[in-house]
């Protein structure tokens, strides 16, 4: 498109949109912070977006509980709850992660039916 990638520029515009309560921008800010290992900052933004039922943010919170990053402790049951909420919003990654949780019996009884 003739525009160079700039994390700083993306951060600027996501912050402006998030300041107006845009849940997509809040979730994308969470993703940016998560990608650079600033998990506490990431979770702050994911939680803001999750309060608005943003599926992407809910999925990432679920993944954080499964991985034990940015949360007090690994908690598969809480991760499954977040994946379920994200799936209800149409997040296909959360749907896949739920399928894996049921296949492996993580946070839910194992169910291959």
N, C-alpha and C. Protein backbone atom coordinates (compact mmCIF):
# COMPACT_ATOMS: atom_id res chain seq x y z
N UNK A 1 0.81 -1.21 0.00
CA UNK A 1 0.00 0.00 0.00
C UNK A 1 0.85 1.26 0.00
N UNK A 2 2.15 1.12 0.03
CA UNK A 2 3.03 2.27 0.01
C UNK A 2 3.23 2.93 1.36
N UNK A 3 2.86 2.23 2.43
CA UNK A 3 3.02 2.76 3.78
C UNK A 3 3.92 1.80 4.55
N UNK A 4 4.97 2.33 5.18
CA UNK A 4 5.86 1.45 5.93
C UNK A 4 5.24 1.09 7.29
N UNK A 5 5.57 -0.10 7.77
CA UNK A 5 5.07 -0.55 9.06
C UNK A 5 5.71 0.27 10.18
N UNK A 6 4.91 0.63 11.14
CA UNK A 6 5.42 1.40 12.28
C UNK A 6 4.61 1.04 13.52
N UNK A 7 5.24 0.33 14.44
CA UNK A 7 4.56 -0.02 15.68
C UNK A 7 4.20 1.24 16.46
N UNK A 8 5.09 2.22 16.43
CA UNK A 8 4.82 3.47 17.15
C UNK A 8 3.59 4.17 16.60
N UNK A 9 3.47 4.19 15.28
CA UNK A 9 2.32 4.84 14.65
C UNK A 9 1.04 4.06 14.96
N UNK A 10 1.13 2.74 14.91
CA UNK A 10 -0.03 1.90 15.24
C UNK A 10 -0.45 2.14 16.68
N UNK A 11 0.52 2.18 17.57
CA UNK A 11 0.24 2.43 18.99
C UNK A 11 -0.47 3.76 19.18
N UNK A 12 -0.01 4.77 18.49
CA UNK A 12 -0.62 6.10 18.57
C UNK A 12 -2.10 6.05 18.18
N UNK A 13 -2.39 5.43 17.04
CA UNK A 13 -3.77 5.43 16.56
C UNK A 13 -4.66 4.49 17.36
N UNK A 14 -4.12 3.37 17.80
CA UNK A 14 -4.91 2.49 18.68
C UNK A 14 -5.24 3.19 19.99
N UNK A 15 -4.27 3.93 20.54
CA UNK A 15 -4.53 4.66 21.79
C UNK A 15 -5.60 5.72 21.60
N UNK A 16 -5.57 6.41 20.47
CA UNK A 16 -6.60 7.43 20.21
C UNK A 16 -7.98 6.79 20.12
N UNK A 17 -8.09 5.69 19.41
CA UNK A 17 -9.38 5.01 19.28
C UNK A 17 -9.82 4.42 20.62
N UNK A 18 -8.88 3.87 21.37
CA UNK A 18 -9.20 3.29 22.68
C UNK A 18 -9.68 4.37 23.65
N UNK A 19 -9.14 5.56 23.52
CA UNK A 19 -9.56 6.67 24.37
C UNK A 19 -11.04 6.99 24.15
N UNK A 20 -11.55 6.61 23.00
CA UNK A 20 -12.98 6.80 22.69
C UNK A 20 -13.80 5.55 22.99
N UNK A 21 -13.15 4.57 23.65
CA UNK A 21 -13.87 3.37 24.06
C UNK A 21 -14.01 2.31 22.99
N UNK A 22 -13.22 2.37 21.94
CA UNK A 22 -13.31 1.39 20.86
C UNK A 22 -12.69 0.07 21.32
N UNK A 23 -13.52 -0.98 21.39
CA UNK A 23 -13.04 -2.26 21.93
C UNK A 23 -12.05 -2.96 21.00
N UNK A 24 -12.16 -2.74 19.70
CA UNK A 24 -11.19 -3.33 18.77
C UNK A 24 -9.81 -2.74 19.04
N UNK A 25 -9.75 -1.43 19.18
CA UNK A 25 -8.48 -0.77 19.47
C UNK A 25 -7.93 -1.22 20.82
N UNK A 26 -8.79 -1.36 21.82
CA UNK A 26 -8.35 -1.83 23.13
C UNK A 26 -7.74 -3.22 23.02
N UNK A 27 -8.39 -4.08 22.27
CA UNK A 27 -7.88 -5.43 22.11
C UNK A 27 -6.57 -5.44 21.33
N UNK A 28 -6.47 -4.63 20.32
CA UNK A 28 -5.23 -4.56 19.53
C UNK A 28 -4.08 -3.99 20.37
N UNK A 29 -4.39 -3.05 21.26
CA UNK A 29 -3.35 -2.57 22.18
C UNK A 29 -2.88 -3.72 23.07
N UNK A 30 -3.83 -4.50 23.54
CA UNK A 30 -3.46 -5.68 24.34
C UNK A 30 -2.54 -6.59 23.56
N UNK A 31 -2.85 -6.81 22.29
CA UNK A 31 -2.02 -7.68 21.45
C UNK A 31 -0.62 -7.11 21.28
N UNK A 32 -0.54 -5.80 21.03
CA UNK A 32 0.79 -5.18 20.88
C UNK A 32 1.63 -5.37 22.14
N UNK A 33 1.03 -5.12 23.30
CA UNK A 33 1.78 -5.25 24.56
C UNK A 33 2.11 -6.70 24.85
N UNK A 34 1.20 -7.61 24.55
CA UNK A 34 1.46 -9.03 24.77
C UNK A 34 2.64 -9.50 23.92
N UNK A 35 2.68 -9.05 22.68
CA UNK A 35 3.73 -9.48 21.76
C UNK A 35 5.13 -9.05 22.20
N UNK A 36 5.22 -7.99 23.00
CA UNK A 36 6.53 -7.55 23.48
C UNK A 36 6.78 -7.96 24.93
N UNK A 37 5.92 -8.85 25.44
CA UNK A 37 6.15 -9.40 26.78
C UNK A 37 5.69 -8.54 27.94
N UNK A 38 4.92 -7.50 27.66
CA UNK A 38 4.39 -6.64 28.74
C UNK A 38 2.98 -7.13 29.08
N UNK A 39 2.93 -8.28 29.76
CA UNK A 39 1.68 -9.00 29.98
C UNK A 39 0.69 -8.25 30.87
N UNK A 40 1.18 -7.55 31.88
CA UNK A 40 0.26 -6.80 32.75
C UNK A 40 -0.45 -5.70 31.96
N UNK A 41 0.32 -4.99 31.16
CA UNK A 41 -0.26 -3.93 30.31
C UNK A 41 -1.23 -4.54 29.30
N UNK A 42 -0.84 -5.67 28.72
CA UNK A 42 -1.71 -6.35 27.76
C UNK A 42 -3.03 -6.75 28.40
N UNK A 43 -2.97 -7.33 29.58
CA UNK A 43 -4.19 -7.80 30.24
C UNK A 43 -5.10 -6.63 30.60
N UNK A 44 -4.53 -5.49 30.94
CA UNK A 44 -5.35 -4.31 31.23
C UNK A 44 -6.21 -3.98 30.01
N UNK A 45 -5.58 -3.96 28.83
CA UNK A 45 -6.32 -3.62 27.62
C UNK A 45 -7.27 -4.72 27.19
N UNK A 46 -6.84 -5.99 27.32
CA UNK A 46 -7.75 -7.10 26.99
C UNK A 46 -8.99 -7.06 27.88
N UNK A 47 -8.80 -6.77 29.16
CA UNK A 47 -9.95 -6.73 30.07
C UNK A 47 -10.91 -5.59 29.74
N UNK A 48 -10.37 -4.44 29.36
CA UNK A 48 -11.24 -3.32 28.96
C UNK A 48 -12.10 -3.73 27.77
N UNK A 49 -11.48 -4.36 26.79
CA UNK A 49 -12.23 -4.79 25.60
C UNK A 49 -13.19 -5.92 25.94
N UNK A 50 -12.80 -6.82 26.84
CA UNK A 50 -13.65 -7.94 27.23
C UNK A 50 -14.91 -7.46 27.94
N UNK A 51 -14.81 -6.35 28.66
CA UNK A 51 -16.00 -5.78 29.31
C UNK A 51 -17.06 -5.41 28.27
N UNK A 52 -16.62 -5.22 27.03
CA UNK A 52 -17.54 -4.89 25.93
C UNK A 52 -17.81 -6.12 25.06
N UNK A 53 -17.49 -7.30 25.59
CA UNK A 53 -17.69 -8.58 24.89
C UNK A 53 -16.93 -8.68 23.58
N UNK A 54 -15.73 -8.14 23.54
CA UNK A 54 -14.89 -8.25 22.35
C UNK A 54 -14.32 -9.68 22.31
N UNK A 55 -14.69 -10.44 21.28
CA UNK A 55 -14.28 -11.83 21.17
C UNK A 55 -12.78 -12.03 21.11
N UNK A 56 -12.08 -11.17 20.38
CA UNK A 56 -10.62 -11.26 20.27
C UNK A 56 -9.98 -11.12 21.65
N UNK A 57 -10.42 -10.17 22.42
CA UNK A 57 -9.86 -9.95 23.76
C UNK A 57 -10.19 -11.12 24.68
N UNK A 58 -11.43 -11.60 24.62
CA UNK A 58 -11.82 -12.73 25.46
C UNK A 58 -10.99 -13.96 25.13
N UNK A 59 -10.72 -14.18 23.85
CA UNK A 59 -9.90 -15.31 23.45
C UNK A 59 -8.50 -15.19 24.02
N UNK A 60 -7.94 -13.97 23.96
CA UNK A 60 -6.58 -13.77 24.49
C UNK A 60 -6.53 -13.95 26.01
N UNK A 61 -7.56 -13.53 26.69
CA UNK A 61 -7.60 -13.75 28.15
C UNK A 61 -7.67 -15.25 28.43
N UNK A 62 -8.48 -15.96 27.64
CA UNK A 62 -8.52 -17.42 27.79
C UNK A 62 -7.16 -18.05 27.57
N UNK A 63 -6.46 -17.61 26.53
CA UNK A 63 -5.12 -18.13 26.24
C UNK A 63 -4.16 -17.80 27.38
N UNK A 64 -4.29 -16.61 27.96
CA UNK A 64 -3.43 -16.24 29.08
C UNK A 64 -3.63 -17.20 30.26
N UNK A 65 -4.89 -17.56 30.52
CA UNK A 65 -5.14 -18.52 31.60
C UNK A 65 -4.59 -19.90 31.26
N UNK A 66 -4.66 -20.30 30.00
CA UNK A 66 -4.12 -21.59 29.62
C UNK A 66 -2.60 -21.60 29.71
N UNK A 67 -1.95 -20.48 29.37
CA UNK A 67 -0.49 -20.39 29.37
C UNK A 67 0.08 -19.95 30.71
N UNK A 68 -0.76 -19.34 31.55
CA UNK A 68 -0.27 -18.82 32.83
C UNK A 68 0.53 -17.54 32.68
N UNK A 69 0.28 -16.76 31.60
CA UNK A 69 1.00 -15.50 31.39
C UNK A 69 0.05 -14.33 31.57
N UNK A 70 0.46 -13.36 32.40
CA UNK A 70 -0.35 -12.17 32.62
C UNK A 70 -1.48 -12.38 33.60
N UNK A 71 -1.55 -13.55 34.20
CA UNK A 71 -2.58 -13.89 35.19
C UNK A 71 -1.87 -14.46 36.42
N UNK A 72 -2.55 -14.46 37.59
CA UNK A 72 -1.87 -14.95 38.80
C UNK A 72 -1.38 -16.40 38.69
N UNK A 73 -2.15 -17.25 38.01
CA UNK A 73 -1.77 -18.66 37.88
C UNK A 73 -2.50 -19.28 36.70
N UNK A 74 -1.92 -20.35 36.17
CA UNK A 74 -2.59 -21.11 35.11
C UNK A 74 -3.91 -21.63 35.66
N UNK A 75 -4.98 -21.47 34.89
CA UNK A 75 -6.32 -21.89 35.34
C UNK A 75 -7.12 -22.30 34.10
N UNK A 76 -7.12 -23.60 33.81
CA UNK A 76 -7.79 -24.09 32.62
C UNK A 76 -9.29 -23.83 32.66
N UNK A 77 -9.91 -23.96 33.82
CA UNK A 77 -11.37 -23.74 33.91
C UNK A 77 -11.72 -22.31 33.56
N UNK A 78 -10.96 -21.36 34.09
CA UNK A 78 -11.21 -19.94 33.76
C UNK A 78 -10.92 -19.69 32.28
N UNK A 79 -9.87 -20.33 31.77
CA UNK A 79 -9.56 -20.20 30.35
C UNK A 79 -10.71 -20.69 29.48
N UNK A 80 -11.30 -21.83 29.85
CA UNK A 80 -12.43 -22.37 29.10
C UNK A 80 -13.60 -21.39 29.15
N UNK A 81 -13.87 -20.81 30.31
CA UNK A 81 -14.97 -19.84 30.41
C UNK A 81 -14.74 -18.65 29.47
N UNK A 82 -13.51 -18.18 29.40
CA UNK A 82 -13.21 -17.06 28.50
C UNK A 82 -13.34 -17.50 27.04
N UNK A 83 -12.86 -18.69 26.73
CA UNK A 83 -13.01 -19.20 25.36
C UNK A 83 -14.49 -19.33 24.99
N UNK A 84 -15.31 -19.79 25.93
CA UNK A 84 -16.74 -19.92 25.65
C UNK A 84 -17.38 -18.57 25.35
N UNK A 85 -17.01 -17.56 26.14
CA UNK A 85 -17.55 -16.22 25.88
C UNK A 85 -17.07 -15.70 24.53
N UNK A 86 -15.79 -15.94 24.21
CA UNK A 86 -15.25 -15.49 22.93
C UNK A 86 -15.93 -16.21 21.77
N UNK A 87 -16.14 -17.51 21.93
CA UNK A 87 -16.80 -18.30 20.88
C UNK A 87 -18.22 -17.79 20.65
N UNK A 88 -18.88 -17.40 21.72
CA UNK A 88 -20.25 -16.87 21.60
C UNK A 88 -20.26 -15.57 20.79
N UNK A 89 -19.13 -14.90 20.74
CA UNK A 89 -19.00 -13.66 19.95
C UNK A 89 -18.49 -13.96 18.54
N UNK A 90 -18.30 -15.24 18.22
CA UNK A 90 -17.89 -15.62 16.88
C UNK A 90 -16.40 -15.77 16.66
N UNK A 91 -15.60 -15.76 17.73
CA UNK A 91 -14.15 -15.88 17.56
C UNK A 91 -13.77 -17.33 17.22
N UNK A 92 -13.29 -17.55 16.00
CA UNK A 92 -13.01 -18.91 15.55
C UNK A 92 -11.77 -19.51 16.21
N UNK A 93 -10.83 -18.70 16.62
CA UNK A 93 -9.66 -19.23 17.34
C UNK A 93 -10.11 -19.77 18.70
N UNK A 94 -11.01 -19.07 19.36
CA UNK A 94 -11.55 -19.56 20.63
C UNK A 94 -12.30 -20.86 20.42
N UNK A 95 -13.03 -20.96 19.31
CA UNK A 95 -13.76 -22.21 19.01
C UNK A 95 -12.78 -23.37 18.87
N UNK A 96 -11.70 -23.14 18.13
CA UNK A 96 -10.69 -24.18 17.98
C UNK A 96 -10.06 -24.54 19.32
N UNK A 97 -9.76 -23.51 20.12
CA UNK A 97 -9.14 -23.76 21.43
C UNK A 97 -10.09 -24.53 22.35
N UNK A 98 -11.38 -24.26 22.25
CA UNK A 98 -12.36 -25.03 23.02
C UNK A 98 -12.36 -26.49 22.59
N UNK A 99 -12.31 -26.72 21.29
CA UNK A 99 -12.26 -28.09 20.79
C UNK A 99 -11.05 -28.82 21.35
N UNK A 100 -9.91 -28.15 21.38
CA UNK A 100 -8.70 -28.77 21.93
C UNK A 100 -8.84 -29.03 23.42
N UNK A 101 -9.47 -28.10 24.14
CA UNK A 101 -9.67 -28.28 25.58
C UNK A 101 -10.53 -29.52 25.85
N UNK A 102 -11.60 -29.70 25.07
CA UNK A 102 -12.45 -30.88 25.24
C UNK A 102 -11.72 -32.15 24.82
N UNK A 103 -10.93 -32.07 23.77
CA UNK A 103 -10.17 -33.23 23.31
C UNK A 103 -9.17 -33.68 24.37
N UNK A 104 -8.50 -32.70 24.99
CA UNK A 104 -7.45 -33.00 25.96
C UNK A 104 -7.94 -33.05 27.40
N UNK A 105 -9.20 -32.66 27.64
CA UNK A 105 -9.72 -32.65 29.00
C UNK A 105 -9.07 -31.60 29.88
N UNK A 106 -8.79 -30.45 29.31
CA UNK A 106 -8.18 -29.36 30.08
C UNK A 106 -9.25 -28.35 30.48
N UNK A 107 -9.58 -28.33 31.76
CA UNK A 107 -10.58 -27.40 32.28
C UNK A 107 -12.01 -27.90 32.12
N UNK A 108 -12.17 -29.00 31.42
CA UNK A 108 -13.47 -29.63 31.18
C UNK A 108 -13.25 -31.14 31.12
N UNK A 109 -14.30 -31.92 31.35
CA UNK A 109 -14.15 -33.36 31.17
C UNK A 109 -13.80 -33.68 29.70
N UNK A 110 -12.94 -34.65 29.50
CA UNK A 110 -12.56 -35.03 28.14
C UNK A 110 -13.80 -35.54 27.41
N UNK A 111 -14.00 -35.04 26.19
CA UNK A 111 -15.19 -35.42 25.42
C UNK A 111 -14.83 -35.43 23.95
N UNK A 112 -14.82 -36.62 23.38
CA UNK A 112 -14.48 -36.76 21.96
C UNK A 112 -15.70 -36.98 21.09
N UNK A 113 -16.90 -36.80 21.68
CA UNK A 113 -18.11 -37.02 20.88
C UNK A 113 -18.45 -35.83 20.01
